[in-house]
C-alpha atoms as a PDB file:
ATOM      1  CA  MET A   1       4.537  -0.198 -13.131  1.00  0.00           C
ATOM      2  CA  THR A   2       1.830  -2.534 -12.158  1.00  0.00           C
ATOM      3  CA  GLY A   3       2.504  -4.092  -8.765  1.00  0.00           C
ATOM      4  CA  LYS A   4       1.531  -7.558  -7.644  1.00  0.00           C
ATOM      5  CA  GLN A   5      -1.407  -9.072  -5.840  1.00  0.00           C
ATOM      6  CA  ILE A   6      -0.658 -12.306  -4.009  1.00  0.00           C
ATOM      7  CA  GLU A   7      -2.765 -14.611  -1.870  1.00  0.00           C
ATOM      8  CA  GLY A   8      -1.554 -17.461   0.271  1.00  0.00           C
ATOM      9  CA  LYS A   9      -1.568 -19.408   3.518  1.00  0.00           C
ATOM     10  CA  VAL A  10       0.346 -17.882   6.431  1.00  0.00           C
ATOM     11  CA  TRP A  11       3.303 -19.551   8.121  1.00  0.00           C
ATOM     12  CA  ARG A  12       4.185 -17.515  11.222  1.00  0.00           C
ATOM     13  CA  PHE A  13       7.630 -16.838  12.730  1.00  0.00           C
ATOM     14  CA  GLY A  14       8.862 -14.388  15.380  1.00  0.00           C
ATOM     15  CA  ASP A  15      11.638 -11.806  15.648  1.00  0.00           C
ATOM     16  CA  ASN A  16      15.327 -12.190  14.727  1.00  0.00           C
ATOM     17  CA  VAL A  17      14.981 -15.198  12.455  1.00  0.00           C
ATOM     18  CA  ASP A  18      18.525 -15.633  11.196  1.00  0.00           C
ATOM     19  CA  THR A  19      19.821 -17.204   8.014  1.00  0.00           C
ATOM     20  CA  ASP A  20      21.178 -20.229   9.911  1.00  0.00           C
ATOM     21  CA  GLN A  21      17.636 -20.990  11.071  1.00  0.00           C
ATOM     22  CA  ILE A  22      16.321 -20.569   7.537  1.00  0.00           C
ATOM     23  CA  ILE A  23      18.916 -22.890   5.993  1.00  0.00           C
ATOM     24  CA  PRO A  24      21.595 -24.508   8.187  1.00  0.00           C
ATOM     25  CA  ALA A  25      25.181 -23.866   7.067  1.00  0.00           C
ATOM     26  CA  GLU A  26      26.014 -27.572   6.904  1.00  0.00           C
ATOM     27  CA  ARG A  27      23.420 -27.956   4.125  1.00  0.00           C
ATOM     28  CA  LEU A  28      25.407 -25.625   1.877  1.00  0.00           C
ATOM     29  CA  VAL A  29      28.376 -27.894   1.263  1.00  0.00           C
ATOM     30  CA  SER A  30      26.792 -29.696  -1.689  1.00  0.00           C
ATOM     31  CA  THR A  31      27.287 -28.481  -5.230  1.00  0.00           C
ATOM     32  CA  ASN A  32      23.646 -29.368  -5.888  1.00  0.00           C
ATOM     33  CA  LEU A  33      21.663 -26.422  -4.565  1.00  0.00           C
ATOM     34  CA  ASP A  34      18.389 -27.386  -6.270  1.00  0.00           C
ATOM     35  CA  HIS A  35      16.892 -28.917  -3.143  1.00  0.00           C
ATOM     36  CA  LEU A  36      17.669 -26.331  -0.461  1.00  0.00           C
ATOM     37  CA  ASN A  37      13.942 -26.033   0.197  1.00  0.00           C
ATOM     38  CA  ASP A  38      13.993 -29.541   1.691  1.00  0.00           C
ATOM     39  CA  PHE A  39      16.040 -28.185   4.593  1.00  0.00           C
ATOM     40  CA  ILE A  40      14.441 -24.843   5.438  1.00  0.00           C
ATOM     41  CA  PHE A  41      13.898 -24.346   9.158  1.00  0.00           C
ATOM     42  CA  GLU A  42      14.813 -28.008   9.758  1.00  0.00           C
ATOM     43  CA  LYS A  43      16.414 -27.287  13.137  1.00  0.00           C
ATOM     44  CA  VAL A  44      13.530 -25.211  14.499  1.00  0.00           C
ATOM     45  CA  ARG A  45      10.612 -26.886  12.684  1.00  0.00           C
ATOM     46  CA  PRO A  46      11.592 -30.346  11.418  1.00  0.00           C
ATOM     47  CA  GLY A  47       9.749 -31.316   8.237  1.00  0.00           C
ATOM     48  CA  PHE A  48       8.708 -27.740   7.545  1.00  0.00           C
ATOM     49  CA  GLY A  49       9.992 -27.712   3.958  1.00  0.00           C
ATOM     50  CA  GLN A  50       7.613 -30.512   2.986  1.00  0.00           C
ATOM     51  CA  GLN A  51       4.591 -28.633   4.381  1.00  0.00           C
ATOM     52  CA  VAL A  52       4.978 -25.392   2.422  1.00  0.00           C
ATOM     53  CA  LYS A  53       2.977 -25.100  -0.786  1.00  0.00           C
ATOM     54  CA  LYS A  54       3.570 -22.866  -3.789  1.00  0.00           C
ATOM     55  CA  GLY A  55       2.121 -19.420  -3.106  1.00  0.00           C
ATOM     56  CA  ASP A  56       2.304 -19.580   0.702  1.00  0.00           C
ATOM     57  CA  VAL A  57       3.196 -16.474   2.710  1.00  0.00           C
ATOM     58  CA  LEU A  58       5.766 -16.297   5.501  1.00  0.00           C
ATOM     59  CA  VAL A  59       4.937 -13.712   8.185  1.00  0.00           C
ATOM     60  CA  ALA A  60       7.537 -12.684  10.742  1.00  0.00           C
ATOM     61  CA  GLY A  61       8.452  -9.987  13.241  1.00  0.00           C
ATOM     62  CA  ARG A  62      11.506  -7.737  13.345  1.00  0.00           C
ATOM     63  CA  ASN A  63      14.910  -8.278  11.756  1.00  0.00           C
ATOM     64  CA  PHE A  64      14.021 -11.248   9.546  1.00  0.00           C
ATOM     65  CA  GLY A  65      17.046 -12.692   7.728  1.00  0.00           C
ATOM     66  CA  CYS A  66      19.707 -11.424  10.102  1.00  0.00           C
ATOM     67  CA  GLY A  67      23.047 -13.213  10.416  1.00  0.00           C
ATOM     68  CA  SER A  68      25.146 -14.452   7.536  1.00  0.00           C
ATOM     69  CA  SER A  69      24.854 -12.719   4.178  1.00  0.00           C
ATOM     70  CA  ARG A  70      24.559 -15.978   2.236  1.00  0.00           C
ATOM     71  CA  GLU A  71      22.215 -15.871  -0.731  1.00  0.00           C
ATOM     72  CA  HIS A  72      21.063 -19.419  -0.068  1.00  0.00           C
ATOM     73  CA  ALA A  73      18.543 -18.308   2.562  1.00  0.00           C
ATOM     74  CA  PRO A  74      16.235 -16.294   0.281  1.00  0.00           C
ATOM     75  CA  ARG A  75      16.750 -18.780  -2.564  1.00  0.00           C
ATOM     76  CA  SER A  76      15.656 -21.690  -0.354  1.00  0.00           C
ATOM     77  CA  LEU A  77      12.502 -19.814   0.708  1.00  0.00           C
ATOM     78  CA  MET A  78      11.661 -19.033  -2.896  1.00  0.00           C
ATOM     79  CA  GLU A  79      12.299 -22.639  -3.965  1.00  0.00           C
ATOM     80  CA  ALA A  80      10.052 -23.845  -1.145  1.00  0.00           C
ATOM     81  CA  GLY A  81       7.173 -21.941  -2.747  1.00  0.00           C
ATOM     82  CA  PHE A  82       6.861 -18.770  -0.700  1.00  0.00           C
ATOM     83  CA  SER A  83       5.399 -16.017  -2.868  1.00  0.00           C
ATOM     84  CA  VAL A  84       6.104 -13.218  -0.398  1.00  0.00           C
ATOM     85  CA  ILE A  85       7.684 -12.655   3.011  1.00  0.00           C
ATOM     86  CA  VAL A  86       5.879 -10.121   5.194  1.00  0.00           C
ATOM     87  CA  ALA A  87       7.861  -8.915   8.203  1.00  0.00           C
ATOM     88  CA  GLU A  88       8.038  -5.893  10.449  1.00  0.00           C
ATOM     89  CA  SER A  89      11.629  -5.390   9.258  1.00  0.00           C
ATOM     90  CA  PHE A  90      14.363  -7.214   7.361  1.00  0.00           C
ATOM     91  CA  ALA A  91      18.113  -7.378   7.707  1.00  0.00           C
ATOM     92  CA  ARG A  92      19.397  -5.172   4.894  1.00  0.00           C
ATOM     93  CA  ILE A  93      21.614  -7.738   3.173  1.00  0.00           C
ATOM     94  CA  PHE A  94      18.780 -10.291   3.232  1.00  0.00           C
ATOM     95  CA  TYR A  95      16.475  -7.656   1.732  1.00  0.00           C
ATOM     96  CA  ARG A  96      18.945  -6.904  -1.050  1.00  0.00           C
ATOM     97  CA  ASN A  97      19.671 -10.571  -1.812  1.00  0.00           C
ATOM     98  CA  SER A  98      15.940 -11.371  -1.908  1.00  0.00           C
ATOM     99  CA  MET A  99      14.993  -8.542  -4.213  1.00  0.00           C
ATOM    100  CA  ASN A 100      17.895  -9.392  -6.520  1.00  0.00           C
ATOM    101  CA  ILE A 101      16.577 -12.921  -7.100  1.00  0.00           C
ATOM    102  CA  GLY A 102      12.900 -11.965  -7.172  1.00  0.00           C
ATOM    103  CA  LEU A 103      11.709 -13.047  -3.713  1.00  0.00           C
ATOM    104  CA  LEU A 104       9.102 -10.450  -2.846  1.00  0.00           C
ATOM    105  CA  LEU A 105       9.459  -8.776   0.571  1.00  0.00           C
ATOM    106  CA  VAL A 106       6.970  -6.495   2.283  1.00  0.00           C
ATOM    107  CA  GLU A 107       7.780  -4.532   5.435  1.00  0.00           C
ATOM    108  CA  CYS A 108       4.565  -4.468   7.409  1.00  0.00           C
ATOM    109  CA  LYS A 109       3.703  -5.337  11.003  1.00  0.00           C
ATOM    110  CA  THR A 110       0.745  -7.709  11.114  1.00  0.00           C
ATOM    111  CA  ASN A 111      -0.773 -10.024  13.668  1.00  0.00           C
ATOM    112  CA  ALA A 112      -1.980 -12.567  11.123  1.00  0.00           C
ATOM    113  CA  ALA A 113      -2.045 -16.042  12.635  1.00  0.00           C
ATOM    114  CA  GLU A 114      -0.536 -19.185  11.190  1.00  0.00           C
ATOM    115  CA  GLY A 115      -3.020 -20.820   8.843  1.00  0.00           C
ATOM    116  CA  ASP A 116      -4.840 -17.595   7.952  1.00  0.00           C
ATOM    117  CA  ARG A 117      -5.037 -16.547   4.308  1.00  0.00           C
ATOM    118  CA  LEU A 118      -3.363 -13.266   3.401  1.00  0.00           C
ATOM    119  CA  GLN A 119      -3.722 -11.066   0.369  1.00  0.00           C
ATOM    120  CA  VAL A 120      -0.789  -8.757  -0.360  1.00  0.00           C
ATOM    121  CA  ASP A 121      -1.271  -5.947  -2.878  1.00  0.00           C
ATOM    122  CA  THR A 122       1.977  -4.120  -3.635  1.00  0.00           C
ATOM    123  CA  ALA A 123       0.278  -1.533  -5.862  1.00  0.00           C
ATOM    124  CA  ALA A 124      -2.191  -0.567  -3.111  1.00  0.00           C
ATOM    125  CA  GLY A 125       0.301  -1.025  -0.264  1.00  0.00           C
ATOM    126  CA  THR A 126      -2.040  -3.311   1.666  1.00  0.00           C
ATOM    127  CA  VAL A 127      -1.925  -6.634   3.480  1.00  0.00           C
ATOM    128  CA  LYS A 128      -5.360  -8.090   4.160  1.00  0.00           C
ATOM    129  CA  ASP A 129      -6.105 -11.088   6.346  1.00  0.00           C
ATOM    130  CA  LEU A 130      -8.896 -12.802   4.411  1.00  0.00           C
ATOM    131  CA  THR A 131      -9.614 -15.067   7.378  1.00  0.00           C
ATOM    132  CA  THR A 132     -10.293 -12.287   9.909  1.00  0.00           C
ATOM    133  CA  ASP A 133     -10.941  -9.360   7.515  1.00  0.00           C
ATOM    134  CA  ARG A 134      -8.222  -7.251   9.175  1.00  0.00           C
ATOM    135  CA  GLN A 135      -6.067  -5.041   7.009  1.00  0.00           C
ATOM    136  CA  TRP A 136      -2.710  -3.297   7.360  1.00  0.00           C
ATOM    137  CA  THR A 137      -0.899  -0.826   5.145  1.00  0.00           C
ATOM    138  CA  PHE A 138       2.723  -0.499   4.173  1.00  0.00           C
ATOM    139  CA  GLU A 139       4.714   2.125   2.371  1.00  0.00           C
ATOM    140  CA  LYS A 140       4.571   1.506  -1.350  1.00  0.00           C
ATOM    141  CA  TYR A 141       7.830   0.702  -3.088  1.00  0.00           C
ATOM    142  CA  PRO A 142       9.806   3.555  -4.632  1.00  0.00           C
ATOM    143  CA  PRO A 143       9.748   3.365  -8.455  1.00  0.00           C
ATOM    144  CA  PHE A 144      13.140   1.640  -8.782  1.00  0.00           C
ATOM    145  CA  ILE A 145      12.131  -1.113  -6.317  1.00  0.00           C
ATOM    146  CA  GLN A 146       8.726  -1.485  -7.984  1.00  0.00           C
ATOM    147  CA  GLU A 147      10.579  -2.013 -11.276  1.00  0.00           C
ATOM    148  CA  LEU A 148      12.551  -4.838  -9.599  1.00  0.00           C
ATOM    149  CA  VAL A 149       9.327  -6.354  -8.257  1.00  0.00           C
ATOM    150  CA  ASP A 150       7.584  -6.160 -11.618  1.00  0.00           C
ATOM    151  CA  ALA A 151      10.577  -7.756 -13.374  1.00  0.00           C
ATOM    152  CA  GLY A 152      10.925 -10.554 -10.817  1.00  0.00           C
ATOM    153  CA  GLY A 153      14.228  -9.266  -9.440  1.00  0.00           C
ATOM    154  CA  LEU A 154      17.452  -7.598 -10.482  1.00  0.00           C
ATOM    155  CA  VAL A 155      18.725 -10.765 -12.115  1.00  0.00           C
ATOM    156  CA  ASN A 156      15.793 -10.667 -14.562  1.00  0.00           C
ATOM    157  CA  LEU A 157      16.314  -6.960 -15.268  1.00  0.00           C
ATOM    158  CA  VAL A 158      19.941  -7.654 -16.159  1.00  0.00           C
ATOM    159  CA  LYS A 159      18.936 -10.604 -18.373  1.00  0.00           C
ATOM    160  CA  GLU A 160      16.445  -8.344 -20.157  1.00  0.00           C
ATOM    161  CA  GLY A 161      19.147  -5.727 -20.676  1.00  0.00           C
ATOM    162  CA  LYS A 162      17.210  -3.101 -18.697  1.00  0.00           C
ATOM    163  CA  PHE A 163      19.898  -2.459 -16.131  1.00  0.00           C
END
């Protein structure tokens, strides 16, 4: 099991970011779900979806992804280009949904500022702010979660016949 090393620009959010903030419920009525990323955080940060670039990192506080258990929230973040979400804690159903589809989550409290560049190393269990040279550690994934991470999510493991 190898782990992942990711670098990207930080987009900062606070505590208790719920799934309705991530992707408003009224955007889920279409049968075309390929453009959910256009609507992420539209009610709290209009135009946000157009600013995110592939490989960016979302950093948040406690209880990220609380609220509804809809799978659209992590999918929209992944489609927007986020390579990893770093938060002090995640709502459990959001955590499970994200890991199933391959959206990497790291539980780690940081004070990285918006616009900084972060490097996340899942094998080492570190988050480093390349802008300020600060570093934080997080508990490494247990082997079964690391296998999910390495495969790009549970969906990929099932497709590969490894589950």
